[in-house]
Amino acid sequence: MKFAYLIIAHNEPEVFGTLLGLLDDERNDIFVHVDAKADIEQFCIFKTERAGLYFIDRMSVYWGDESQIAVELRLLRAARSAGRYDYYHLLSGVDLPLKSQNYIHRFFAEHAGTEYVGVTHSDFNVSDLERKTRYYHLFTRYSHILSNNRGGNSCNGCCVRPATGWSGSRRRSA
């Protein structure tokens, strides 16, 4: 069984290096996008011994922006053009697996063909979705200029309440 790990990195290169070490397995290929706003040299110093490691062309990625989807698609295209994989795993550059590669590969082999993308409707998920959709996040590409807390998630005026009739993730009928 062969896996493609798709990593979107933008900060904390030391954690990224740890992640690469934990994914370094001959059954894996690792495709990495480093945000164009980050210092690439801090990420390129890390190598793998057993896994294939591929850095793709860079672009600027912004929170809550279509650029996040664009970079995911770039990673998927790079992996698809490199070969055939049984599973594609999308990670942030600061995510770390809690289990070993042997455990992860065994789990997916025992559940071959099962997809693990889904939505649940628990109270937590509804409140988390409402937290993320309560406001329109305008000018996400410029929030670092608008915010005194550079690099934070604070919008400081770059988000607005939606128009009346919008509540969380659903529209109210008239």
Protein backbone atom coordinates (compact mmCIF):
# COMPACT_ATOMS: atom_id res chain seq x y z
CA MET A 1 0.00 0.00 0.00
CA LYS A 2 1.41 3.38 -1.04
CA PHE A 3 0.50 6.74 0.50
CA ALA A 4 0.93 10.31 -0.69
CA TYR A 5 1.26 12.82 2.11
CA LEU A 6 0.36 16.35 0.99
CA ILE A 7 1.77 18.99 3.31
CA ILE A 8 0.97 22.70 3.37
CA ALA A 9 3.66 24.45 5.43
CA HIS A 10 4.02 28.10 6.32
CA ASN A 11 5.81 28.36 9.69
CA GLU A 12 7.63 26.42 12.42
CA PRO A 13 10.25 24.66 10.29
CA GLU A 14 11.48 22.63 13.29
CA VAL A 15 8.06 20.99 13.66
CA PHE A 16 8.01 20.44 9.89
CA GLY A 17 11.35 18.63 10.19
CA THR A 18 9.93 16.41 12.93
CA LEU A 19 6.90 15.67 10.74
CA LEU A 20 9.13 14.61 7.84
CA GLY A 21 11.04 12.29 10.16
CA LEU A 22 7.81 10.66 11.34
CA LEU A 23 6.58 10.18 7.75
CA ASP A 24 9.93 8.95 6.38
CA ASP A 25 8.93 5.46 5.24
CA GLU A 26 9.52 3.67 1.92
CA ARG A 27 5.74 3.23 1.57
CA ASN A 28 5.23 7.01 1.46
CA ASP A 29 5.87 9.86 -0.91
CA ILE A 30 5.71 13.35 0.57
CA PHE A 31 4.63 16.40 -1.45
CA VAL A 32 5.27 19.76 0.18
CA HIS A 33 4.11 23.28 -0.49
CA VAL A 34 5.90 26.01 1.46
CA ASP A 35 4.05 29.33 1.49
CA ALA A 36 5.73 31.94 -0.71
CA LYS A 37 5.79 34.30 2.28
CA ALA A 38 7.96 31.88 4.28
CA ASP A 39 11.74 31.51 4.09
CA ILE A 40 12.14 28.38 1.94
CA GLU A 41 15.71 27.82 3.11
CA GLN A 42 14.45 26.94 6.60
CA PHE A 43 12.36 24.11 5.13
CA CYS A 44 14.70 22.76 2.43
CA ILE A 45 17.35 21.77 4.95
CA PHE A 46 15.27 18.74 5.92
CA LYS A 47 15.64 15.52 3.91
CA THR A 48 14.17 12.04 3.96
CA GLU A 49 16.06 8.78 3.72
CA ARG A 50 13.29 6.38 2.65
CA ALA A 51 10.28 8.39 1.46
CA GLY A 52 10.20 10.34 -1.77
CA LEU A 53 10.22 14.09 -1.01
CA TYR A 54 8.94 16.63 -3.54
CA PHE A 55 8.63 20.39 -3.09
CA ILE A 56 6.13 21.98 -5.48
CA ASP A 57 6.05 25.50 -6.93
CA ARG A 58 5.23 28.09 -4.32
CA MET A 59 2.41 30.57 -4.03
CA SER A 60 1.14 32.85 -1.28
CA VAL A 61 -1.58 31.22 0.80
CA TYR A 62 -3.98 33.14 3.04
CA TRP A 63 -6.31 31.93 5.80
CA GLY A 64 -9.94 31.65 4.71
CA ASP A 65 -9.00 32.38 1.10
CA GLU A 66 -9.41 30.48 -2.15
CA SER A 67 -5.62 30.16 -2.22
CA GLN A 68 -5.97 27.37 0.36
CA ILE A 69 -8.02 25.34 -2.11
CA ALA A 70 -5.68 26.22 -4.99
CA VAL A 71 -2.65 24.89 -3.12
CA GLU A 72 -4.49 21.69 -2.16
CA LEU A 73 -5.30 21.12 -5.84
CA ARG A 74 -1.67 21.79 -6.80
CA LEU A 75 -0.52 19.18 -4.30
CA LEU A 76 -3.07 16.65 -5.55
CA ARG A 77 -2.03 17.23 -9.17
CA ALA A 78 1.65 16.82 -8.29
CA ALA A 79 0.96 13.56 -6.48
CA ARG A 80 -1.30 12.24 -9.26
CA SER A 81 1.35 12.99 -11.87
CA ALA A 82 4.03 11.20 -9.79
CA GLY A 83 2.21 7.89 -9.54
CA ARG A 84 -0.68 5.91 -8.15
CA TYR A 85 -1.42 6.02 -4.43
CA ASP A 86 -3.92 4.12 -2.34
CA TYR A 87 -4.56 7.07 -0.03
CA TYR A 88 -3.82 10.79 -0.06
CA HIS A 89 -3.35 12.44 3.34
CA LEU A 90 -3.56 16.24 3.59
CA LEU A 91 -1.66 17.76 6.51
CA SER A 92 -0.51 21.11 7.78
CA GLY A 93 3.23 21.50 8.24
CA VAL A 94 2.68 21.54 12.00
CA ASP A 95 0.56 18.36 12.24
CA LEU A 96 2.19 15.29 13.73
CA PRO A 97 0.90 11.71 13.52
CA LEU A 98 0.02 10.14 16.86
CA LYS A 99 0.66 6.61 15.61
CA SER A 100 3.62 4.95 13.87
CA GLN A 101 3.74 4.43 10.11
CA ASN A 102 3.41 0.68 10.69
CA TYR A 103 0.19 1.23 12.63
CA ILE A 104 -1.19 3.71 10.06
CA HIS A 105 -0.40 1.47 7.09
CA ARG A 106 -1.83 -1.59 8.85
CA PHE A 107 -5.04 0.31 9.71
CA PHE A 108 -5.59 1.41 6.11
CA ALA A 109 -4.73 -2.07 4.77
CA GLU A 110 -7.36 -3.58 7.09
CA HIS A 111 -9.90 -0.99 5.88
CA ALA A 112 -8.82 -0.82 2.23
CA GLY A 113 -11.14 1.23 0.06
CA THR A 114 -12.84 2.98 2.98
CA GLU A 115 -13.01 6.76 2.70
CA TYR A 116 -12.67 8.86 5.83
CA VAL A 117 -14.16 12.15 4.73
CA GLY A 118 -17.42 12.97 6.39
CA VAL A 119 -19.55 15.39 8.32
CA THR A 120 -21.17 14.85 11.67
CA HIS A 121 -23.93 16.92 13.14
CA SER A 122 -22.94 17.04 16.79
CA ASP A 123 -23.50 20.18 18.84
CA PHE A 124 -19.75 20.79 18.83
CA ASN A 125 -19.52 20.67 15.03
CA VAL A 126 -22.50 22.98 14.60
CA SER A 127 -21.05 25.54 17.04
CA ASP A 128 -17.62 25.26 15.39
CA LEU A 129 -19.17 25.80 11.95
CA GLU A 130 -21.17 28.78 13.20
CA ARG A 131 -18.00 30.27 14.73
CA LYS A 132 -16.27 30.02 11.35
CA THR A 133 -19.20 31.30 9.28
CA ARG A 134 -20.69 33.94 11.57
CA TYR A 135 -18.78 36.71 9.79
CA TYR A 136 -17.68 37.37 6.26
CA HIS A 137 -13.91 37.52 6.27
CA LEU A 138 -13.12 40.22 3.75
CA PHE A 139 -9.64 41.12 2.53
CA THR A 140 -8.00 38.01 3.98
CA ARG A 141 -5.01 38.62 1.74
CA TYR A 142 -4.49 41.96 3.47
CA SER A 143 -5.38 41.09 7.06
CA HIS A 144 -1.70 41.22 8.07
CA ILE A 145 -1.72 44.91 7.09
CA LEU A 146 -5.02 45.64 8.84
CA SER A 147 -4.08 43.78 12.01
CA ASN A 148 -1.74 44.98 14.72
CA ASN A 149 -1.34 41.32 15.67
CA ARG A 150 0.66 40.31 12.59
CA GLY A 151 0.32 36.63 11.90
CA GLY A 152 -2.63 36.20 14.25
CA ASN A 153 -6.16 35.24 13.36
CA SER A 154 -7.55 38.52 14.63
CA CYS A 155 -9.20 40.43 11.80
CA ASN A 156 -9.37 43.87 13.49
CA GLY A 157 -11.94 45.29 11.14
CA CYS A 158 -11.51 43.03 8.11
CA CYS A 159 -14.59 40.96 8.87
CA VAL A 160 -18.20 42.06 8.94
CA ARG A 161 -21.47 40.61 10.11
CA PRO A 162 -23.47 39.00 7.31
CA ALA A 163 -26.67 40.57 6.04
CA THR A 164 -29.91 40.01 7.96
CA GLY A 165 -31.48 36.64 7.20
CA TRP A 166 -28.24 34.69 7.48
CA SER A 167 -27.72 32.53 10.53
CA GLY A 168 -24.70 30.34 10.81
CA SER A 169 -24.61 27.82 7.99
CA ARG A 170 -28.17 28.16 6.75
CA ARG A 171 -30.39 30.80 5.18
CA ARG A 172 -33.72 31.61 6.73
CA SER A 173 -36.69 31.53 4.41
CA ALA A 174 -38.76 34.70 4.12
